[in-house]
Amino acid sequence: MPQVTDVVLDTRLTRQMSVGMKAYAAELAARLPRVAPDLRFASLSRGENFSADEQIGMPWALARMRPRLTHFLSVYAPLLAPAPFAITVHDLIHLRHPAFFKKKVGWYYQTIVRAVCARAARVITDDERTVEDLKRFLGVAREKIRVIPLGCDDAYLREREPFRAARPFFLYAGNHRQHKDLPTLLAAWAALPAHLDADLYLTGENDLPPERQPTRALGAVRFLGDVATEELARFYGSCVALVHPALCEGFGLPMLEAGAAGAAVLACEDAAPTVLRPYVECFAAGDVAGLRALMERALAGDPVLQARRAALRGAARGLTWDRCAAATAEVYREVLAECRS
């Protein structure tokens, strides 16, 4: 008699998924069988988002496989998947800041994602901040939401040769979408006192129009392009601080990675992950003067910032992908136990 599959994982890595969403899916798929040997796993890896494969092929495949539970690892899920299932919703930034995104994205969340969440046995999210958003925007009942912080890539836990920079530098790691609020970071850096020597490094390509290119007498803006994990870890370990000005985040993996690699973190107050918030220096959204003051303190070696930097490293290193996978497996066991009763 064939063994019953306990959990089918939706392991698709599609072009609509962000870097963080792909990392989450890949890490859980790799680690769950090891951290939860009592559960039998299978995966589905075919089907582009918004396609017939996703909306028809996946439910059909799941009906044939008859798993005890399915976990959709992103919001790109079939509307009529066989129950029971869990879904991960990393954030609802598209609904909190609709002006920054196409209208059809908000429609997708308000219709498809809302309907899938209504049928889900559990809705998993990364941070306590998103719990209220799930209730407010999608009507998800609090009792079926589970908060599981993300994990840090092992590469950021290893000691390595530091990056040798010509002068002290601040670092931003992430995309350049509007809600990341890069203008606040650029303005704060440009407003640093003229006698301070500091560069600003940003991952990604230089997509700033000429009139928005900031300048300083002592320092320059450097766009790094695509940065490999090992190289990014060296930047994290050598910067004065990682600066994360985003108006909000679902979790904010760069802040976790930077902290684990030994960086201080300066972040918008609604972007810092709840589990790391006590160790992050925060400023109000769009507060150029507040961020500039924090950058000055970081350049001066402020002892409070240095103490928080050390505490952040310890806290960040405890947030591993194994821990994330093990906590997720506990959610599976919870749902499976309910199904048996």
Protein backbone atom coordinates (compact mmCIF):
# COMPACT_ATOMS: atom_id res chain seq x y z
CA MET A 1 0.00 0.00 0.00
CA PRO A 2 1.57 3.39 -0.99
CA GLN A 3 2.52 5.78 1.80
CA VAL A 4 0.32 8.81 2.31
CA THR A 5 2.03 12.17 1.78
CA ASP A 6 1.66 14.37 4.84
CA VAL A 7 2.57 17.72 3.26
CA VAL A 8 2.90 18.88 -0.33
CA LEU A 9 4.99 22.04 -0.72
CA ASP A 10 4.42 24.49 -3.55
CA THR A 11 8.10 24.92 -4.47
CA ARG A 12 7.63 27.01 -7.61
CA LEU A 13 10.12 29.86 -8.04
CA THR A 14 8.43 32.21 -10.49
CA ARG A 15 9.37 35.56 -11.98
CA GLN A 16 6.66 37.34 -9.96
CA MET A 17 8.30 36.28 -6.70
CA SER A 18 10.74 38.63 -4.99
CA VAL A 19 14.25 37.58 -3.98
CA GLY A 20 13.08 37.15 -0.39
CA MET A 21 10.06 35.04 -1.39
CA LYS A 22 12.28 32.77 -3.46
CA ALA A 23 14.76 32.41 -0.61
CA TYR A 24 11.94 31.45 1.77
CA ALA A 25 10.53 28.82 -0.58
CA ALA A 26 13.93 27.32 -1.40
CA GLU A 27 15.14 27.21 2.21
CA LEU A 28 11.96 25.59 3.56
CA ALA A 29 11.87 23.01 0.77
CA ALA A 30 15.49 22.07 1.50
CA ARG A 31 15.27 22.00 5.31
CA LEU A 32 11.81 20.72 6.21
CA PRO A 33 12.49 17.03 5.46
CA ARG A 34 15.54 17.17 7.75
CA VAL A 35 14.04 19.11 10.68
CA ALA A 36 10.72 17.22 10.54
CA PRO A 37 11.62 13.57 9.83
CA ASP A 38 8.24 12.45 11.22
CA LEU A 39 6.47 14.03 8.23
CA ARG A 40 6.47 12.79 4.65
CA PHE A 41 6.92 15.58 2.09
CA ALA A 42 6.36 15.94 -1.64
CA SER A 43 6.51 19.02 -3.86
CA LEU A 44 4.93 20.63 -6.88
CA SER A 45 7.28 22.81 -8.91
CA ARG A 46 5.42 23.49 -12.18
CA GLY A 47 3.00 26.25 -13.08
CA GLU A 48 3.58 29.91 -13.84
CA ASN A 49 1.57 32.42 -11.83
CA PHE A 50 -1.83 33.36 -13.25
CA SER A 51 -1.69 30.41 -15.66
CA ALA A 52 -3.97 27.44 -16.34
CA ASP A 53 -1.27 25.22 -14.82
CA GLU A 54 -1.59 27.13 -11.54
CA GLN A 55 -5.37 27.49 -11.38
CA ILE A 56 -6.40 24.16 -12.93
CA GLY A 57 -3.36 21.90 -13.18
CA MET A 58 -2.22 22.27 -9.57
CA PRO A 59 -5.62 21.54 -7.97
CA TRP A 60 -5.96 18.53 -10.27
CA ALA A 61 -2.49 17.26 -9.34
CA LEU A 62 -3.22 17.74 -5.64
CA ALA A 63 -6.51 15.87 -5.98
CA ARG A 64 -4.60 12.93 -7.44
CA MET A 65 -1.83 13.06 -4.82
CA ARG A 66 -4.31 13.39 -1.94
CA PRO A 67 -1.86 14.84 0.61
CA ARG A 68 -3.02 15.39 4.15
CA LEU A 69 -2.00 19.07 3.86
CA THR A 70 -0.66 21.49 1.23
CA HIS A 71 1.43 24.58 1.91
CA PHE A 72 1.45 27.39 -0.65
CA LEU A 73 4.68 29.26 0.06
CA SER A 74 3.56 32.54 -1.52
CA VAL A 75 0.37 34.44 -2.37
CA TYR A 76 0.39 32.96 -5.88
CA ALA A 77 -1.93 30.07 -5.17
CA PRO A 78 -4.83 28.32 -6.94
CA LEU A 79 -8.24 29.60 -5.97
CA LEU A 80 -9.79 26.12 -5.71
CA ALA A 81 -7.06 24.06 -4.09
CA PRO A 82 -8.24 20.97 -2.18
CA ALA A 83 -8.44 21.54 1.57
CA PRO A 84 -6.78 21.51 4.00
CA PHE A 85 -3.98 23.89 3.12
CA ALA A 86 -1.84 26.66 4.60
CA ILE A 87 -0.64 29.76 2.80
CA THR A 88 2.19 32.16 3.54
CA VAL A 89 1.47 35.88 3.09
CA HIS A 90 4.73 37.75 3.65
CA ASP A 91 3.21 41.22 3.66
CA LEU A 92 0.38 43.41 2.41
CA ILE A 93 2.47 46.38 1.32
CA HIS A 94 0.51 46.51 -1.94
CA LEU A 95 -2.66 47.26 0.05
CA ARG A 96 -1.04 49.60 2.57
CA HIS A 97 0.54 51.72 -0.16
CA PRO A 98 -1.64 51.18 -3.25
CA ALA A 99 -0.39 54.36 -4.96
CA PHE A 100 2.99 52.72 -5.52
CA PHE A 101 1.64 49.71 -7.40
CA LYS A 102 -0.55 48.87 -10.39
CA LYS A 103 -4.29 48.68 -9.63
CA LYS A 104 -4.49 45.07 -10.81
CA VAL A 105 -2.11 44.03 -8.01
CA GLY A 106 -4.48 45.38 -5.36
CA TRP A 107 -7.37 43.67 -7.13
CA TYR A 108 -5.52 40.35 -7.01
CA TYR A 109 -4.96 40.63 -3.26
CA GLN A 110 -8.52 41.78 -2.54
CA THR A 111 -10.09 38.95 -4.54
CA ILE A 112 -7.87 35.89 -5.07
CA VAL A 113 -5.66 36.19 -1.98
CA ARG A 114 -8.63 37.09 0.23
CA ALA A 115 -10.58 34.06 -1.02
CA VAL A 116 -7.64 31.68 -0.58
CA CYS A 117 -6.97 32.98 2.94
CA ALA A 118 -10.65 32.50 3.84
CA ARG A 119 -10.39 28.79 2.95
CA ALA A 120 -6.92 28.25 4.45
CA ALA A 121 -6.52 26.25 7.64
CA ARG A 122 -3.62 28.55 8.61
CA VAL A 123 -2.16 31.79 7.29
CA ILE A 124 1.55 32.10 8.04
CA THR A 125 3.28 35.48 8.05
CA ASP A 126 6.75 36.76 8.94
CA ASP A 127 6.11 39.49 11.47
CA GLU A 128 3.58 40.62 14.05
CA ARG A 129 3.12 43.86 12.11
CA THR A 130 1.34 42.01 9.31
CA VAL A 131 -1.23 40.40 11.63
CA GLU A 132 -3.30 43.58 11.82
CA ASP A 133 -2.99 44.06 8.07
CA LEU A 134 -4.30 40.53 7.44
CA LYS A 135 -7.29 41.23 9.68
CA ARG A 136 -7.92 44.73 8.30
CA PHE A 137 -7.44 44.22 4.56
CA LEU A 138 -8.32 40.55 4.04
CA GLY A 139 -10.59 39.75 6.97
CA VAL A 140 -8.40 36.89 8.21
CA ALA A 141 -9.39 35.61 11.65
CA ARG A 142 -6.63 36.15 14.22
CA GLU A 143 -6.91 32.63 15.56
CA LYS A 144 -5.68 31.06 12.34
CA ILE A 145 -2.68 33.39 11.80
CA ARG A 146 0.76 32.11 12.82
CA VAL A 147 3.81 34.39 12.94
CA ILE A 148 7.14 32.78 12.04
CA PRO A 149 10.16 35.08 11.54
CA LEU A 150 12.35 34.38 8.53
CA GLY A 151 15.87 32.97 8.71
CA CYS A 152 19.36 34.08 7.86
CA ASP A 153 21.44 32.50 5.10
CA ASP A 154 24.35 30.53 6.56
CA ALA A 155 26.74 32.63 4.47
CA TYR A 156 26.18 35.63 6.74
CA LEU A 157 27.19 33.64 9.82
CA ARG A 158 30.72 32.84 8.59
CA GLU A 159 33.79 34.96 9.35
CA ARG A 160 35.42 36.41 6.24
CA GLU A 161 37.95 38.93 5.01
CA PRO A 162 36.43 42.44 5.28
CA PHE A 163 35.88 44.63 2.24
CA ARG A 164 38.66 47.21 1.95
CA ALA A 165 36.98 50.53 1.21
CA ALA A 166 38.69 53.81 0.35
CA ARG A 167 36.61 55.63 2.98
CA PRO A 168 33.82 54.82 5.47
CA PHE A 169 30.56 53.88 3.74
CA PHE A 170 26.89 53.37 4.46
CA LEU A 171 25.09 50.55 2.67
CA TYR A 172 21.60 50.02 1.29
CA ALA A 173 20.66 46.51 0.11
CA GLY A 174 17.40 45.97 -1.75
CA ASN A 175 15.39 46.99 -4.78
CA HIS A 176 14.59 50.57 -5.74
CA ARG A 177 10.79 50.51 -5.68
CA GLN A 178 8.94 53.57 -4.46
CA HIS A 179 8.00 52.20 -1.04
CA LYS A 180 11.72 51.70 -0.27
CA ASP A 181 11.92 55.52 -0.02
CA LEU A 182 15.46 55.90 -1.33
CA PRO A 183 15.01 59.71 -1.67
CA THR A 184 15.06 59.98 2.14
CA LEU A 185 18.33 58.04 2.32
CA LEU A 186 19.96 60.03 -0.49
CA ALA A 187 18.89 63.34 1.04
CA ALA A 188 20.14 62.37 4.51
CA TRP A 189 23.52 61.30 3.14
CA ALA A 190 23.85 64.51 1.10
CA ALA A 191 22.97 66.58 4.20
CA LEU A 192 25.78 65.15 6.35
CA PRO A 193 28.14 67.88 7.62
CA ALA A 194 30.63 68.84 4.92
CA HIS A 195 33.68 67.79 6.97
CA LEU A 196 32.52 64.17 7.29
CA ASP A 197 34.03 61.70 4.84
CA ALA A 198 31.51 58.98 3.87
CA ASP A 199 30.39 57.12 0.76
CA LEU A 200 26.98 55.60 0.11
CA TYR A 201 26.77 52.17 -1.54
CA LEU A 202 23.51 50.86 -2.99
CA THR A 203 22.85 47.48 -4.55
CA GLY A 204 21.30 47.54 -8.01
CA GLU A 205 21.88 49.69 -11.07
CA ASN A 206 22.01 53.47 -11.15
CA ASP A 207 18.44 54.34 -12.13
CA LEU A 208 18.46 57.90 -10.81
CA PRO A 209 17.82 60.72 -13.29
CA PRO A 210 20.67 63.27 -13.46
CA GLU A 211 18.75 65.89 -11.49
CA ARG A 212 18.37 63.49 -8.54
CA GLN A 213 22.02 62.46 -8.31
CA PRO A 214 23.16 63.65 -4.85
CA THR A 215 26.69 64.93 -4.31
CA ARG A 216 28.99 65.72 -1.39
CA ALA A 217 32.48 67.24 -1.22
CA LEU A 218 33.79 64.25 0.75
CA GLY A 219 32.15 61.11 -0.57
CA ALA A 220 30.29 59.60 -3.50
CA VAL A 221 27.32 57.41 -4.31
CA ARG A 222 28.28 54.00 -5.70
CA PHE A 223 25.78 51.62 -7.29
CA LEU A 224 26.95 48.03 -6.92
CA GLY A 225 24.71 46.23 -9.44
CA ASP A 226 23.81 42.63 -8.64
CA VAL A 227 25.87 41.49 -5.66
CA ALA A 228 26.59 37.84 -4.92
CA THR A 229 25.88 36.57 -1.40
CA GLU A 230 29.52 36.17 -0.38
CA GLU A 231 30.39 39.67 -1.57
CA LEU A 232 27.33 41.18 0.11
CA ALA A 233 28.39 39.58 3.39
CA ARG A 234 31.74 41.41 3.10
CA PHE A 235 29.94 44.72 2.49
CA TYR A 236 27.70 44.11 5.50
CA GLY A 237 30.66 43.36 7.74
CA SER A 238 32.58 46.47 6.70
CA CYS A 239 29.97 49.23 6.44
CA VAL A 240 29.43 51.96 9.03
CA ALA A 241 25.79 50.84 9.04
CA LEU A 242 23.13 49.32 6.84
CA VAL A 243 20.44 51.96 6.24
CA HIS A 244 16.94 50.73 5.43
CA PRO A 245 14.57 53.65 4.76
CA ALA A 246 11.61 51.62 3.43
CA LEU A 247 8.22 52.90 4.55
CA CYS A 248 7.33 49.37 5.64
CA GLU A 249 8.45 45.77 5.22
CA GLY A 250 6.96 42.34 5.63
CA PHE A 251 10.13 41.28 7.39
CA GLY A 252 13.21 42.86 5.80
CA LEU A 253 15.81 40.15 5.21
CA PRO A 254 18.68 42.61 4.55
CA MET A 255 18.39 43.87 8.13
CA LEU A 256 18.61 40.32 9.49
CA GLU A 257 21.52 39.44 7.18
CA ALA A 258 23.42 42.64 7.98
CA GLY A 259 22.94 42.19 11.71
CA ALA A 260 24.18 38.60 11.57
CA ALA A 261 27.25 39.71 9.61
CA GLY A 262 28.08 42.32 12.25
CA ALA A 263 26.60 45.56 10.88
CA ALA A 264 24.73 48.25 12.74
CA VAL A 265 21.26 48.87 11.29
CA LEU A 266 19.43 52.18 10.92
CA ALA A 267 15.86 51.69 9.76
CA CYS A 268 12.50 53.36 9.33
CA GLU A 269 10.44 52.53 12.41
CA ASP A 270 7.80 50.61 10.43
CA ALA A 271 10.38 48.56 8.53
CA ALA A 272 12.47 47.04 11.33
CA PRO A 273 11.47 43.42 12.10
CA THR A 274 9.69 43.14 15.45
CA VAL A 275 12.14 40.50 16.73
CA LEU A 276 15.11 42.78 15.97
CA ARG A 277 13.52 46.15 16.80
CA PRO A 278 15.18 46.48 20.26
CA TYR A 279 18.61 46.41 18.59
CA VAL A 280 17.92 48.66 15.59
CA GLU A 281 18.18 52.46 15.60
CA CYS A 282 14.90 53.73 14.14
CA PHE A 283 13.72 56.97 12.55
CA ALA A 284 10.30 58.15 11.43
CA ALA A 285 9.21 57.55 7.84
CA GLY A 286 10.61 60.24 5.54
CA ASP A 287 12.51 61.95 8.38
CA VAL A 288 15.64 63.18 6.60
CA ALA A 289 16.94 65.12 9.61
CA GLY A 290 16.40 62.18 11.95
CA LEU A 291 18.23 59.78 9.67
CA ARG A 292 21.06 62.26 9.08
CA ALA A 293 21.53 62.56 12.85
CA LEU A 294 21.73 58.77 13.22
CA MET A 295 24.26 58.55 10.39
CA GLU A 296 26.39 61.21 12.12
CA ARG A 297 26.29 59.22 15.36
CA ALA A 298 27.28 56.06 13.53
CA LEU A 299 30.25 57.78 11.89
CA ALA A 300 31.32 59.12 15.30
CA GLY A 301 31.33 55.62 16.81
CA ASP A 302 28.51 56.38 19.24
CA PRO A 303 28.82 53.84 22.11
CA VAL A 304 25.04 53.27 22.27
CA LEU A 305 24.99 52.31 18.60
CA GLN A 306 28.02 50.09 19.06
CA ALA A 307 26.34 48.26 21.96
CA ARG A 308 23.19 47.75 19.92
CA ARG A 309 25.29 46.52 17.00
CA ALA A 310 26.75 43.77 19.19
CA ALA A 311 23.34 42.83 20.62
CA LEU A 312 21.83 42.78 17.12
CA ARG A 313 24.47 40.34 15.94
CA GLY A 314 23.62 37.91 18.71
CA ALA A 315 19.87 38.18 18.13
CA ALA A 316 20.16 37.87 14.34
CA ARG A 317 22.36 34.79 14.53
CA GLY A 318 19.64 32.99 16.47
CA LEU A 319 17.18 33.43 13.61
CA THR A 320 18.24 30.55 11.38
CA TRP A 321 16.37 28.91 8.52
CA ASP A 322 16.39 25.66 10.50
CA ARG A 323 14.47 27.41 13.27
CA CYS A 324 12.03 28.84 10.70
CA ALA A 325 11.51 25.40 9.15
CA ALA A 326 11.02 23.72 12.53
CA ALA A 327 8.41 26.31 13.56
CA THR A 328 6.62 25.81 10.24
CA ALA A 329 6.54 22.05 10.79
CA GLU A 330 4.84 22.69 14.13
CA VAL A 331 2.04 24.47 12.26
CA TYR A 332 1.67 21.42 10.00
CA ARG A 333 1.40 19.10 13.01
CA GLU A 334 -1.20 21.40 14.55
CA VAL A 335 -3.40 21.29 11.44
CA LEU A 336 -2.93 17.55 10.93
CA ALA A 337 -3.93 16.90 14.54
CA GLU A 338 -7.12 18.91 14.01
CA CYS A 339 -7.89 16.88 10.89
CA ARG A 340 -7.59 13.63 12.85
CA SER A 341 -9.88 14.78 15.64
